[in-house]
Amino acid sequence: MSVSSNAEAETQAVDARTNALAPWKFQCSQDTRLAQRLLSPKVQQCEPEVMQGIAATLTEAEVAKVFIDHVPGVQGFLYRAQPGVHAIKFVTKAYQSGLVAFKDTCLHEHLVCLLRLIVHHGHANGDSATSHLREVAEAFMDCQAVQARTIERVGLRLRGLSHDFRGLVVGLVGDYKTIAIKMLAADAIGKSGLREDGDPVHYENRLTQDLGHDLGLNFGDIRRARLDEHAATRFPRLRRQQRHAFTDRCRELFDVAALLQAFVAEVNSFSQASPPESLPRLFLDWASERLTEKHVVLDEATCTRVDVTLPLARAIIEDLFLGAPDSSSDQVHRGRKLSTLFLRP
C-alpha cells in the first residue's frame, strides 16, 4: 500500500474516531474553568535556549560507571526488552555522539549537551543524583523519541531555567498536560485501532504537534515533536473539527485534583535545606507578597512548617492563573473566606 493510501486510511480512522467521540463536552464547574485556563497558551513554558558547548570529558567506561555506581540494577536494563541488548550501551554512545534520530536537526547538539550535563552532574554529586540518572537510564530502554523527551526534561530541570515561583508552577502544570496528552493518545488509539507499537510516543508527538498551541503545551515539547519523523509519516494531521474535539477531550482528561495534590506536596516539603531557587522556598516569598496574612500558610500549632491545604492550594493556583481566587466560592481557611486572604491585584 502506498504512503498516500496509508494516510487516507488513517484519516478515515481519525474521522470515525472524532464522530464517535463528539459527545465529549464540559459540564460547568470550578475545575472546568481552571482546566480551560491552564490548558491554554496563557499558561505555557517558553522555548528553552539551545544548550551548547559542553564537551565529552568522560570515556564510555567512565560514563557507564556513573550509572552502575548510582543506579542499582542498571546493568540489567534492556532496550525494548530485547535479550542481550543493554540500554547502558546506548547511553554511553549517546553521551559521546548524540542521538542518531536527531543527528541532522537543530536539537542534536542541544540534546547531547544536556545528556552530558546530566552525566557530569551525576559524576560530581554521586548518590544525590540517583533519581536523575535513573530517569535517563530507564528512558534508554525505549525509543529515541522517549530518550530525547527525558534528556530534555531532566537536563532543563538541572539547569533551573524557571527562576520565579510562577514559572516553576507553570512547569508543574506542563507535567500534568503531558500526562493528559498520554491519556488522550491511549484513549484514541484504543477506540480507533490506530497502528502503534507498545509505547505510543509517536502518536503522542502527533497530538503534541497539532494541539500544542491550543493547549499551551511546552514550546520545547512542541519543537521536539515536530522532529519526530514517525509521527509525521504514520499519522495525518488532525483537521480543524478533530482538533477542537481533541482539545476539549484533553481538558476533560486533565486532572486538576492530582495537580493540586502535587502542588501541596511540593510546597509542604519546605525545610531549611530547600534551595533558594526551589518551588517551596519561592512559594514563601510569593506568599509574603500576595497574601494578607502570610502566616496562614504555616501550621497553627507551631508556625514552623508549611501547611497548605487543598482548598488553599486551589485558591493559590486560581490567583496565579485566573488573576484572583473564585470569589463566589464558600470555601474557608481557618475560619476566613479564601478569597479574602489575597491582596487585590
C-alpha atoms as a PDB file:
ATOM      1  CA  MET A   1       0.000   0.000   0.000  1.00  0.00           C
ATOM      2  CA  SER A   2       1.337   3.460  -0.898  1.00  0.00           C
ATOM      3  CA  VAL A   3       2.087   6.192   1.618  1.00  0.00           C
ATOM      4  CA  SER A   4      -0.867   8.226   0.295  1.00  0.00           C
ATOM      5  CA  SER A   5      -3.196   5.240   0.678  1.00  0.00           C
ATOM      6  CA  ASN A   6      -1.983   4.696   4.216  1.00  0.00           C
ATOM      7  CA  ALA A   7      -2.535   8.350   5.024  1.00  0.00           C
ATOM      8  CA  GLU A   8      -6.055   8.234   3.544  1.00  0.00           C
ATOM      9  CA  ALA A   9      -6.903   5.150   5.583  1.00  0.00           C
ATOM     10  CA  GLU A  10      -5.574   6.753   8.749  1.00  0.00           C
ATOM     11  CA  THR A  11      -7.547   9.931   8.008  1.00  0.00           C
ATOM     12  CA  GLN A  12     -10.746   7.910   7.686  1.00  0.00           C
ATOM     13  CA  ALA A  13      -9.976   6.217  11.010  1.00  0.00           C
ATOM     14  CA  VAL A  14      -9.450   9.589  12.672  1.00  0.00           C
ATOM     15  CA  ASP A  15     -12.721  10.897  11.174  1.00  0.00           C
ATOM     16  CA  ALA A  16     -14.591   7.901  12.540  1.00  0.00           C
ATOM     17  CA  ARG A  17     -12.993   8.372  15.931  1.00  0.00           C
ATOM     18  CA  THR A  18     -13.893  12.040  16.050  1.00  0.00           C
ATOM     19  CA  ASN A  19     -17.531  11.346  15.205  1.00  0.00           C
ATOM     20  CA  ALA A  20     -17.704   8.634  17.854  1.00  0.00           C
ATOM     21  CA  LEU A  21     -16.281  10.927  20.480  1.00  0.00           C
ATOM     22  CA  ALA A  22     -18.303  14.021  19.563  1.00  0.00           C
ATOM     23  CA  PRO A  23     -20.410  13.895  22.779  1.00  0.00           C
ATOM     24  CA  TRP A  24     -17.359  14.977  24.842  1.00  0.00           C
ATOM     25  CA  LYS A  25     -18.472  18.237  26.366  1.00  0.00           C
ATOM     26  CA  PHE A  26     -17.620  20.083  29.535  1.00  0.00           C
ATOM     27  CA  GLN A  27     -20.028  20.497  32.380  1.00  0.00           C
ATOM     28  CA  CYS A  28     -19.852  23.867  34.120  1.00  0.00           C
ATOM     29  CA  SER A  29     -17.665  23.524  37.210  1.00  0.00           C
ATOM     30  CA  GLN A  30     -14.832  25.170  39.063  1.00  0.00           C
ATOM     31  CA  ASP A  31     -12.426  22.504  37.807  1.00  0.00           C
ATOM     32  CA  THR A  32     -13.554  23.092  34.227  1.00  0.00           C
ATOM     33  CA  ARG A  33     -12.903  26.846  34.372  1.00  0.00           C
ATOM     34  CA  LEU A  34      -9.470  26.279  35.854  1.00  0.00           C
ATOM     35  CA  ALA A  35      -8.618  23.496  33.386  1.00  0.00           C
ATOM     36  CA  GLN A  36      -9.650  25.675  30.456  1.00  0.00           C
ATOM     37  CA  ARG A  37      -7.224  28.378  31.554  1.00  0.00           C
ATOM     38  CA  LEU A  38      -4.378  26.017  32.473  1.00  0.00           C
ATOM     39  CA  LEU A  39      -4.646  24.199  29.140  1.00  0.00           C
ATOM     40  CA  SER A  40      -4.299  27.322  27.055  1.00  0.00           C
ATOM     41  CA  PRO A  41      -1.445  29.430  25.598  1.00  0.00           C
ATOM     42  CA  LYS A  42      -1.749  31.693  28.657  1.00  0.00           C
ATOM     43  CA  VAL A  43      -0.018  29.003  30.757  1.00  0.00           C
ATOM     44  CA  GLN A  44       2.923  27.832  28.693  1.00  0.00           C
ATOM     45  CA  GLN A  45       6.635  27.318  29.194  1.00  0.00           C
ATOM     46  CA  CYS A  46       8.718  29.355  26.768  1.00  0.00           C
ATOM     47  CA  GLU A  47      11.021  27.691  24.287  1.00  0.00           C
ATOM     48  CA  PRO A  48      14.242  26.829  26.133  1.00  0.00           C
ATOM     49  CA  GLU A  49      17.520  28.248  24.958  1.00  0.00           C
ATOM     50  CA  VAL A  50      19.508  25.734  22.935  1.00  0.00           C
ATOM     51  CA  MET A  51      22.243  24.173  25.042  1.00  0.00           C
ATOM     52  CA  GLN A  52      25.751  24.361  23.616  1.00  0.00           C
ATOM     53  CA  GLY A  53      29.395  23.987  24.474  1.00  0.00           C
ATOM     54  CA  ILE A  54      29.511  21.020  26.862  1.00  0.00           C
ATOM     55  CA  ALA A  55      32.348  18.722  25.849  1.00  0.00           C
ATOM     56  CA  ALA A  56      32.564  14.976  26.410  1.00  0.00           C
ATOM     57  CA  THR A  57      35.167  14.803  29.175  1.00  0.00           C
ATOM     58  CA  LEU A  58      34.485  11.197  30.249  1.00  0.00           C
ATOM     59  CA  THR A  59      35.233   7.958  28.433  1.00  0.00           C
ATOM     60  CA  GLU A  60      32.465   5.477  27.630  1.00  0.00           C
ATOM     61  CA  ALA A  61      33.699   3.299  30.506  1.00  0.00           C
ATOM     62  CA  GLU A  62      33.567   6.252  32.910  1.00  0.00           C
ATOM     63  CA  VAL A  63      30.034   7.153  31.795  1.00  0.00           C
ATOM     64  CA  ALA A  64      28.920   3.567  32.350  1.00  0.00           C
ATOM     65  CA  LYS A  65      30.497   3.615  35.818  1.00  0.00           C
ATOM     66  CA  VAL A  66      28.488   6.723  36.791  1.00  0.00           C
ATOM     67  CA  PHE A  67      25.266   4.825  36.118  1.00  0.00           C
ATOM     68  CA  ILE A  68      26.452   1.489  37.532  1.00  0.00           C
ATOM     69  CA  ASP A  69      27.588   3.136  40.776  1.00  0.00           C
ATOM     70  CA  HIS A  70      24.380   5.122  41.357  1.00  0.00           C
ATOM     71  CA  VAL A  71      21.503   3.289  39.636  1.00  0.00           C
ATOM     72  CA  PRO A  72      21.014  -0.157  41.179  1.00  0.00           C
ATOM     73  CA  GLY A  73      20.293  -2.823  38.570  1.00  0.00           C
ATOM     74  CA  VAL A  74      21.101  -0.605  35.578  1.00  0.00           C
ATOM     75  CA  GLN A  75      23.264  -3.322  34.019  1.00  0.00           C
ATOM     76  CA  GLY A  76      20.103  -5.380  33.591  1.00  0.00           C
ATOM     77  CA  PHE A  77      18.150  -2.643  31.788  1.00  0.00           C
ATOM     78  CA  LEU A  78      17.354  -3.897  28.272  1.00  0.00           C
ATOM     79  CA  TYR A  79      16.435  -1.891  25.194  1.00  0.00           C
ATOM     80  CA  ARG A  80      12.847  -2.750  24.246  1.00  0.00           C
ATOM     81  CA  ALA A  81      13.147  -5.925  26.379  1.00  0.00           C
ATOM     82  CA  GLN A  82      15.489  -7.477  23.802  1.00  0.00           C
ATOM     83  CA  PRO A  83      17.729 -10.132  25.407  1.00  0.00           C
ATOM     84  CA  GLY A  84      21.366  -9.093  25.407  1.00  0.00           C
ATOM     85  CA  VAL A  85      20.686  -5.562  24.134  1.00  0.00           C
ATOM     86  CA  HIS A  86      21.697  -3.478  27.136  1.00  0.00           C
ATOM     87  CA  ALA A  87      20.413   0.085  27.437  1.00  0.00           C
ATOM     88  CA  ILE A  88      23.590   1.366  29.072  1.00  0.00           C
ATOM     89  CA  LYS A  89      25.490   0.768  25.827  1.00  0.00           C
ATOM     90  CA  PHE A  90      23.230   3.285  24.088  1.00  0.00           C
ATOM     91  CA  VAL A  91      23.635   5.783  26.941  1.00  0.00           C
ATOM     92  CA  THR A  92      27.405   5.774  26.623  1.00  0.00           C
ATOM     93  CA  LYS A  93      27.293   6.149  22.838  1.00  0.00           C
ATOM     94  CA  ALA A  94      24.749   8.973  23.052  1.00  0.00           C
ATOM     95  CA  TYR A  95      26.988  10.769  25.566  1.00  0.00           C
ATOM     96  CA  GLN A  96      29.823  10.715  23.028  1.00  0.00           C
ATOM     97  CA  SER A  97      27.976  11.411  19.773  1.00  0.00           C
ATOM     98  CA  GLY A  98      24.297  12.154  20.481  1.00  0.00           C
ATOM     99  CA  LEU A  99      21.048  10.527  19.387  1.00  0.00           C
ATOM    100  CA  VAL A 100      21.135   9.263  15.810  1.00  0.00           C
ATOM    101  CA  ALA A 101      17.488  10.188  15.174  1.00  0.00           C
ATOM    102  CA  PHE A 102      18.307  13.865  15.825  1.00  0.00           C
ATOM    103  CA  LYS A 103      21.705  13.946  14.111  1.00  0.00           C
ATOM    104  CA  ASP A 104      20.760  16.337  11.314  1.00  0.00           C
ATOM    105  CA  THR A 105      18.356  18.517  13.295  1.00  0.00           C
ATOM    106  CA  CYS A 106      18.634  21.741  15.253  1.00  0.00           C
ATOM    107  CA  LEU A 107      18.288  19.754  18.505  1.00  0.00           C
ATOM    108  CA  HIS A 108      21.248  17.435  18.056  1.00  0.00           C
ATOM    109  CA  GLU A 109      23.813  19.466  19.987  1.00  0.00           C
ATOM    110  CA  HIS A 110      21.169  20.660  22.453  1.00  0.00           C
ATOM    111  CA  LEU A 111      20.305  17.088  23.460  1.00  0.00           C
ATOM    112  CA  VAL A 112      23.849  15.744  23.591  1.00  0.00           C
ATOM    113  CA  CYS A 113      24.924  18.708  25.729  1.00  0.00           C
ATOM    114  CA  LEU A 114      22.012  18.175  28.127  1.00  0.00           C
ATOM    115  CA  LEU A 115      22.867  14.473  28.412  1.00  0.00           C
ATOM    116  CA  ARG A 116      26.481  15.372  29.191  1.00  0.00           C
ATOM    117  CA  LEU A 117      25.256  17.880  31.771  1.00  0.00           C
ATOM    118  CA  ILE A 118      23.233  15.124  33.474  1.00  0.00           C
ATOM    119  CA  VAL A 119      26.135  12.649  33.427  1.00  0.00           C
ATOM    120  CA  HIS A 120      28.625  15.232  34.699  1.00  0.00           C
ATOM    121  CA  HIS A 121      26.195  16.167  37.476  1.00  0.00           C
ATOM    122  CA  GLY A 122      25.964  12.501  38.442  1.00  0.00           C
ATOM    123  CA  HIS A 123      29.739  12.110  38.305  1.00  0.00           C
ATOM    124  CA  ALA A 124      30.212  15.090  40.623  1.00  0.00           C
ATOM    125  CA  ASN A 125      27.311  14.582  43.026  1.00  0.00           C
ATOM    126  CA  GLY A 126      27.111  10.816  43.432  1.00  0.00           C
ATOM    127  CA  ASP A 127      24.076   9.315  45.148  1.00  0.00           C
ATOM    128  CA  SER A 128      22.262  12.665  45.342  1.00  0.00           C
ATOM    129  CA  ALA A 129      21.923  12.465  41.547  1.00  0.00           C
ATOM    130  CA  THR A 130      20.457   8.945  41.530  1.00  0.00           C
ATOM    131  CA  SER A 131      16.896   9.967  40.662  1.00  0.00           C
ATOM    132  CA  HIS A 132      18.052  11.987  37.629  1.00  0.00           C
ATOM    133  CA  LEU A 133      20.312   9.203  36.405  1.00  0.00           C
ATOM    134  CA  ARG A 134      17.606   6.583  36.859  1.00  0.00           C
ATOM    135  CA  GLU A 135      15.114   8.592  34.797  1.00  0.00           C
ATOM    136  CA  VAL A 136      17.595   8.779  31.949  1.00  0.00           C
ATOM    137  CA  ALA A 137      18.646   5.128  32.182  1.00  0.00           C
ATOM    138  CA  GLU A 138      15.017   3.984  32.120  1.00  0.00           C
ATOM    139  CA  ALA A 139      14.319   6.168  29.079  1.00  0.00           C
ATOM    140  CA  PHE A 140      17.086   4.371  27.178  1.00  0.00           C
ATOM    141  CA  MET A 141      15.044   1.193  27.483  1.00  0.00           C
ATOM    142  CA  ASP A 142      12.731   2.790  24.910  1.00  0.00           C
ATOM    143  CA  CYS A 143      12.965   4.557  21.554  1.00  0.00           C
ATOM    144  CA  GLN A 144      14.919   7.745  20.864  1.00  0.00           C
ATOM    145  CA  ALA A 145      11.789   9.895  20.981  1.00  0.00           C
ATOM    146  CA  VAL A 146      11.344   8.866  24.623  1.00  0.00           C
ATOM    147  CA  GLN A 147      15.074   9.290  25.263  1.00  0.00           C
ATOM    148  CA  ALA A 148      15.043  12.843  23.881  1.00  0.00           C
ATOM    149  CA  ARG A 149      11.966  13.798  25.905  1.00  0.00           C
ATOM    150  CA  THR A 150      13.571  12.576  29.126  1.00  0.00           C
ATOM    151  CA  ILE A 151      17.001  14.060  28.456  1.00  0.00           C
ATOM    152  CA  GLU A 152      15.469  17.486  27.848  1.00  0.00           C
ATOM    153  CA  ARG A 153      13.169  17.293  30.880  1.00  0.00           C
ATOM    154  CA  VAL A 154      15.904  16.183  33.294  1.00  0.00           C
ATOM    155  CA  GLY A 155      18.592  18.398  31.793  1.00  0.00           C
ATOM    156  CA  LEU A 156      16.475  21.545  31.925  1.00  0.00           C
ATOM    157  CA  ARG A 157      15.449  20.692  35.477  1.00  0.00           C
ATOM    158  CA  LEU A 158      19.116  20.599  36.456  1.00  0.00           C
ATOM    159  CA  ARG A 159      19.740  23.900  34.709  1.00  0.00           C
ATOM    160  CA  GLY A 160      16.978  25.517  36.768  1.00  0.00           C
ATOM    161  CA  LEU A 161      15.660  27.618  33.904  1.00  0.00           C
ATOM    162  CA  SER A 162      12.486  28.766  35.698  1.00  0.00           C
ATOM    163  CA  HIS A 163      13.633  31.372  38.195  1.00  0.00           C
ATOM    164  CA  ASP A 164      10.385  32.572  39.769  1.00  0.00           C
ATOM    165  CA  PHE A 165       7.523  30.895  41.596  1.00  0.00           C
ATOM    166  CA  ARG A 166       5.015  31.232  38.774  1.00  0.00           C
ATOM    167  CA  GLY A 167       7.496  29.801  36.280  1.00  0.00           C
ATOM    168  CA  LEU A 168       8.047  26.727  38.441  1.00  0.00           C
ATOM    169  CA  VAL A 169       4.303  26.191  38.807  1.00  0.00           C
ATOM    170  CA  VAL A 170       3.915  26.539  35.025  1.00  0.00           C
ATOM    171  CA  GLY A 171       6.474  23.735  34.760  1.00  0.00           C
ATOM    172  CA  LEU A 172       4.428  21.584  37.142  1.00  0.00           C
ATOM    173  CA  VAL A 173       1.274  22.283  35.122  1.00  0.00           C
ATOM    174  CA  GLY A 174       3.220  21.302  31.992  1.00  0.00           C
ATOM    175  CA  ASP A 175       3.977  17.900  33.512  1.00  0.00           C
ATOM    176  CA  TYR A 176       0.252  17.280  34.000  1.00  0.00           C
ATOM    177  CA  LYS A 177      -0.518  18.479  30.484  1.00  0.00           C
ATOM    178  CA  THR A 178       1.891  15.819  29.250  1.00  0.00           C
ATOM    179  CA  ILE A 179       0.032  13.213  31.293  1.00  0.00           C
ATOM    180  CA  ALA A 180      -3.265  14.385  29.757  1.00  0.00           C
ATOM    181  CA  ILE A 181      -1.782  14.028  26.249  1.00  0.00           C
ATOM    182  CA  LYS A 182      -0.670  10.489  27.112  1.00  0.00           C
ATOM    183  CA  MET A 183      -4.173   9.658  28.330  1.00  0.00           C
ATOM    184  CA  LEU A 184      -5.717  11.201  25.217  1.00  0.00           C
ATOM    185  CA  ALA A 185      -3.405   9.185  22.962  1.00  0.00           C
ATOM    186  CA  ALA A 186      -4.152   5.925  24.769  1.00  0.00           C
ATOM    187  CA  ASP A 187      -7.886   6.661  24.674  1.00  0.00           C
ATOM    188  CA  ALA A 188      -7.896   7.480  20.957  1.00  0.00           C
ATOM    189  CA  ILE A 189      -5.698   4.514  19.989  1.00  0.00           C
ATOM    190  CA  GLY A 190      -7.906   2.142  21.934  1.00  0.00           C
ATOM    191  CA  LYS A 191     -11.131   3.462  20.395  1.00  0.00           C
ATOM    192  CA  SER A 192      -9.984   3.776  16.778  1.00  0.00           C
ATOM    193  CA  GLY A 193      -7.464   0.948  16.425  1.00  0.00           C
ATOM    194  CA  LEU A 194      -4.677   3.180  15.162  1.00  0.00           C
ATOM    195  CA  ARG A 195      -1.434   1.386  14.364  1.00  0.00           C
ATOM    196  CA  GLU A 196       1.094   1.932  17.147  1.00  0.00           C
ATOM    197  CA  ASP A 197       3.743  -0.060  18.963  1.00  0.00           C
ATOM    198  CA  GLY A 198       3.984  -0.785  22.686  1.00  0.00           C
ATOM    199  CA  ASP A 199       4.763   2.830  23.592  1.00  0.00           C
ATOM    200  CA  PRO A 200       2.521   5.302  21.732  1.00  0.00           C
ATOM    201  CA  VAL A 201       5.076   8.111  21.922  1.00  0.00           C
ATOM    202  CA  HIS A 202       4.854   8.817  18.185  1.00  0.00           C
ATOM    203  CA  TYR A 203       1.105   9.346  18.276  1.00  0.00           C
ATOM    204  CA  GLU A 204       1.589  11.486  21.384  1.00  0.00           C
ATOM    205  CA  ASN A 205       4.004  13.572  19.337  1.00  0.00           C
ATOM    206  CA  ARG A 206       1.403  13.847  16.551  1.00  0.00           C
ATOM    207  CA  LEU A 207      -1.085  15.206  19.102  1.00  0.00           C
ATOM    208  CA  THR A 208       1.564  17.490  20.594  1.00  0.00           C
ATOM    209  CA  GLN A 209       2.233  19.000  17.175  1.00  0.00           C
ATOM    210  CA  ASP A 210      -1.419  19.517  16.304  1.00  0.00           C
ATOM    211  CA  LEU A 211      -2.792  20.539  19.706  1.00  0.00           C
ATOM    212  CA  GLY A 212       0.294  22.183  21.172  1.00  0.00           C
ATOM    213  CA  HIS A 213      -0.653  25.804  20.531  1.00  0.00           C
ATOM    214  CA  ASP A 214      -4.304  25.437  21.539  1.00  0.00           C
ATOM    215  CA  LEU A 215      -3.426  23.672  24.806  1.00  0.00           C
ATOM    216  CA  GLY A 216      -0.347  25.730  25.636  1.00  0.00           C
ATOM    217  CA  LEU A 217       1.947  22.709  25.697  1.00  0.00           C
ATOM    218  CA  ASN A 218       5.585  23.443  26.463  1.00  0.00           C
ATOM    219  CA  PHE A 219       7.365  25.011  23.491  1.00  0.00           C
ATOM    220  CA  GLY A 220      10.233  22.568  23.980  1.00  0.00           C
ATOM    221  CA  ASP A 221       7.852  19.601  23.699  1.00  0.00           C
ATOM    222  CA  ILE A 222       6.273  21.018  20.533  1.00  0.00           C
ATOM    223  CA  ARG A 223       9.654  21.695  18.963  1.00  0.00           C
ATOM    224  CA  ARG A 224      10.850  18.177  19.689  1.00  0.00           C
ATOM    225  CA  ALA A 225       7.600  16.581  18.498  1.00  0.00           C
ATOM    226  CA  ARG A 226       7.901  18.343  15.131  1.00  0.00           C
ATOM    227  CA  LEU A 227      11.165  16.481  14.543  1.00  0.00           C
ATOM    228  CA  ASP A 228       9.557  13.057  15.017  1.00  0.00           C
ATOM    229  CA  GLU A 229       9.505  11.587  11.502  1.00  0.00           C
ATOM    230  CA  HIS A 230       7.448   8.587  12.612  1.00  0.00           C
ATOM    231  CA  ALA A 231       4.719  10.891  13.915  1.00  0.00           C
ATOM    232  CA  ALA A 232       4.638  12.702  10.567  1.00  0.00           C
ATOM    233  CA  THR A 233       4.589   9.602   8.344  1.00  0.00           C
ATOM    234  CA  ARG A 234       2.316   7.297  10.357  1.00  0.00           C
ATOM    235  CA  PHE A 235      -0.461   9.714  11.254  1.00  0.00           C
ATOM    236  CA  PRO A 236      -2.178  12.510   9.303  1.00  0.00           C
ATOM    237  CA  ARG A 237      -2.569  15.937  10.809  1.00  0.00           C
ATOM    238  CA  LEU A 238      -5.802  16.494  12.684  1.00  0.00           C
ATOM    239  CA  ARG A 239      -8.393  18.536  10.851  1.00  0.00           C
ATOM    240  CA  ARG A 240      -9.950  21.620  12.405  1.00  0.00           C
ATOM    241  CA  GLN A 241     -13.030  19.851  13.762  1.00  0.00           C
ATOM    242  CA  GLN A 242     -10.913  16.997  15.109  1.00  0.00           C
ATOM    243  CA  ARG A 243      -8.545  19.446  16.742  1.00  0.00           C
ATOM    244  CA  HIS A 244     -11.409  21.153  18.580  1.00  0.00           C
ATOM    245  CA  ALA A 245     -12.856  17.821  19.740  1.00  0.00           C
ATOM    246  CA  PHE A 246      -9.472  16.582  20.941  1.00  0.00           C
ATOM    247  CA  THR A 247      -8.701  19.866  22.684  1.00  0.00           C
ATOM    248  CA  ASP A 248     -11.953  19.611  24.631  1.00  0.00           C
ATOM    249  CA  ARG A 249     -11.258  15.992  25.495  1.00  0.00           C
ATOM    250  CA  CYS A 250      -7.734  16.756  26.704  1.00  0.00           C
ATOM    251  CA  ARG A 251      -9.044  19.481  29.007  1.00  0.00           C
ATOM    252  CA  GLU A 252     -11.562  16.980  30.301  1.00  0.00           C
ATOM    253  CA  LEU A 253      -8.823  14.425  30.978  1.00  0.00           C
ATOM    254  CA  PHE A 254      -6.585  16.976  32.687  1.00  0.00           C
ATOM    255  CA  ASP A 255      -6.518  16.001  36.365  1.00  0.00           C
ATOM    256  CA  VAL A 256      -6.874  19.226  38.349  1.00  0.00           C
ATOM    257  CA  ALA A 257      -7.139  17.302  41.631  1.00  0.00           C
ATOM    258  CA  ALA A 258      -3.864  15.449  41.017  1.00  0.00           C
ATOM    259  CA  LEU A 259      -2.146  18.726  40.077  1.00  0.00           C
ATOM    260  CA  LEU A 260      -3.327  20.361  43.306  1.00  0.00           C
ATOM    261  CA  GLN A 261      -2.166  17.379  45.378  1.00  0.00           C
ATOM    262  CA  ALA A 262       1.263  17.532  43.716  1.00  0.00           C
ATOM    263  CA  PHE A 263       1.453  21.258  44.397  1.00  0.00           C
ATOM    264  CA  VAL A 264       0.541  20.726  48.068  1.00  0.00           C
ATOM    265  CA  ALA A 265       3.203  18.024  48.404  1.00  0.00           C
ATOM    266  CA  GLU A 266       5.814  20.337  46.875  1.00  0.00           C
ATOM    267  CA  VAL A 267       5.154  23.427  48.985  1.00  0.00           C
ATOM    268  CA  ASN A 268       4.641  21.444  52.208  1.00  0.00           C
ATOM    269  CA  SER A 269       8.035  19.794  51.707  1.00  0.00           C
ATOM    270  CA  PHE A 270       9.795  23.047  52.651  1.00  0.00           C
ATOM    271  CA  SER A 271      12.704  22.696  55.053  1.00  0.00           C
ATOM    272  CA  GLN A 272      15.835  24.611  55.955  1.00  0.00           C
ATOM    273  CA  ALA A 273      17.623  22.519  53.316  1.00  0.00           C
ATOM    274  CA  SER A 274      15.340  23.732  50.500  1.00  0.00           C
ATOM    275  CA  PRO A 275      17.487  25.567  47.895  1.00  0.00           C
ATOM    276  CA  PRO A 276      16.753  29.277  47.342  1.00  0.00           C
ATOM    277  CA  GLU A 277      15.533  28.584  43.785  1.00  0.00           C
ATOM    278  CA  SER A 278      13.246  25.696  44.761  1.00  0.00           C
ATOM    279  CA  LEU A 279       9.454  25.858  44.482  1.00  0.00           C
ATOM    280  CA  PRO A 280       8.778  25.590  48.255  1.00  0.00           C
ATOM    281  CA  ARG A 281      11.284  28.346  49.058  1.00  0.00           C
ATOM    282  CA  LEU A 282       9.987  30.666  46.336  1.00  0.00           C
ATOM    283  CA  PHE A 283       6.420  29.941  47.452  1.00  0.00           C
ATOM    284  CA  LEU A 284       7.115  31.528  50.843  1.00  0.00           C
ATOM    285  CA  ASP A 285       8.495  34.626  49.140  1.00  0.00           C
ATOM    286  CA  TRP A 286       5.399  34.794  46.933  1.00  0.00           C
ATOM    287  CA  ALA A 287       3.058  34.271  49.900  1.00  0.00           C
ATOM    288  CA  SER A 288       4.658  37.133  51.828  1.00  0.00           C
ATOM    289  CA  GLU A 289       3.886  39.483  48.923  1.00  0.00           C
ATOM    290  CA  ARG A 290       0.495  38.186  47.824  1.00  0.00           C
ATOM    291  CA  LEU A 291      -1.367  37.116  50.963  1.00  0.00           C
ATOM    292  CA  THR A 292      -2.936  39.443  53.519  1.00  0.00           C
ATOM    293  CA  GLU A 293      -1.547  37.265  56.312  1.00  0.00           C
ATOM    294  CA  LYS A 294       1.480  35.250  55.262  1.00  0.00           C
ATOM    295  CA  HIS A 295       1.368  33.059  58.386  1.00  0.00           C
ATOM    296  CA  VAL A 296      -1.787  31.320  57.071  1.00  0.00           C
ATOM    297  CA  VAL A 297       0.471  29.006  55.064  1.00  0.00           C
ATOM    298  CA  LEU A 298       2.132  27.754  58.282  1.00  0.00           C
ATOM    299  CA  ASP A 299       0.802  25.215  60.769  1.00  0.00           C
ATOM    300  CA  GLU A 300      -1.300  26.757  63.527  1.00  0.00           C
ATOM    301  CA  ALA A 301       0.359  24.979  66.425  1.00  0.00           C
ATOM    302  CA  THR A 302       3.997  25.975  65.942  1.00  0.00           C
ATOM    303  CA  CYS A 303       4.224  28.159  62.810  1.00  0.00           C
ATOM    304  CA  THR A 304       7.399  26.230  61.996  1.00  0.00           C
ATOM    305  CA  ARG A 305       6.318  24.230  58.943  1.00  0.00           C
ATOM    306  CA  VAL A 306       4.372  24.914  55.782  1.00  0.00           C
ATOM    307  CA  ASP A 307       0.842  23.533  55.994  1.00  0.00           C
ATOM    308  CA  VAL A 308      -1.103  24.324  52.814  1.00  0.00           C
ATOM    309  CA  THR A 309      -4.466  22.583  52.437  1.00  0.00           C
ATOM    310  CA  LEU A 310      -6.078  21.565  49.143  1.00  0.00           C
ATOM    311  CA  PRO A 311      -8.686  24.389  49.205  1.00  0.00           C
ATOM    312  CA  LEU A 312      -5.965  26.950  49.824  1.00  0.00           C
ATOM    313  CA  ALA A 313      -3.850  25.388  47.072  1.00  0.00           C
ATOM    314  CA  ARG A 314      -6.741  25.752  44.636  1.00  0.00           C
ATOM    315  CA  ALA A 315      -7.122  29.423  45.576  1.00  0.00           C
ATOM    316  CA  ILE A 316      -3.381  29.964  45.054  1.00  0.00           C
ATOM    317  CA  ILE A 317      -3.468  28.375  41.581  1.00  0.00           C
ATOM    318  CA  GLU A 318      -6.545  30.419  40.691  1.00  0.00           C
ATOM    319  CA  ASP A 319      -4.801  33.583  41.839  1.00  0.00           C
ATOM    320  CA  LEU A 320      -1.732  32.749  39.756  1.00  0.00           C
ATOM    321  CA  PHE A 321      -3.548  31.937  36.539  1.00  0.00           C
ATOM    322  CA  LEU A 322      -7.034  33.451  36.767  1.00  0.00           C
ATOM    323  CA  GLY A 323      -5.984  36.703  38.428  1.00  0.00           C
ATOM    324  CA  ALA A 324      -7.798  36.061  41.714  1.00  0.00           C
ATOM    325  CA  PRO A 325      -9.440  33.233  43.663  1.00  0.00           C
ATOM    326  CA  ASP A 326     -13.047  32.386  42.919  1.00  0.00           C
ATOM    327  CA  SER A 327     -14.965  34.988  44.929  1.00  0.00           C
ATOM    328  CA  SER A 328     -18.208  33.009  44.648  1.00  0.00           C
ATOM    329  CA  SER A 329     -16.713  30.018  46.456  1.00  0.00           C
ATOM    330  CA  ASP A 330     -17.813  29.433  50.040  1.00  0.00           C
ATOM    331  CA  GLN A 331     -14.578  27.633  50.901  1.00  0.00           C
ATOM    332  CA  VAL A 332     -12.885  28.883  54.066  1.00  0.00           C
ATOM    333  CA  HIS A 333      -9.420  28.522  55.547  1.00  0.00           C
ATOM    334  CA  ARG A 334      -9.171  28.721  59.330  1.00  0.00           C
ATOM    335  CA  GLY A 335     -12.492  30.490  59.564  1.00  0.00           C
ATOM    336  CA  ARG A 336     -11.888  33.036  56.820  1.00  0.00           C
ATOM    337  CA  LYS A 337     -13.268  33.018  53.301  1.00  0.00           C
ATOM    338  CA  LEU A 338     -10.435  32.060  50.978  1.00  0.00           C
ATOM    339  CA  SER A 339     -10.818  34.997  48.600  1.00  0.00           C
ATOM    340  CA  THR A 340     -10.263  37.452  51.493  1.00  0.00           C
ATOM    341  CA  LEU A 341      -6.785  36.042  52.151  1.00  0.00           C
ATOM    342  CA  PHE A 342      -5.402  37.531  48.923  1.00  0.00           C
ATOM    343  CA  LEU A 343      -4.441  41.112  48.230  1.00  0.00           C
ATOM    344  CA  ARG A 344      -6.246  42.740  45.359  1.00  0.00           C
ATOM    345  CA  PRO A 345      -4.237  42.658  42.093  1.00  0.00           C
END
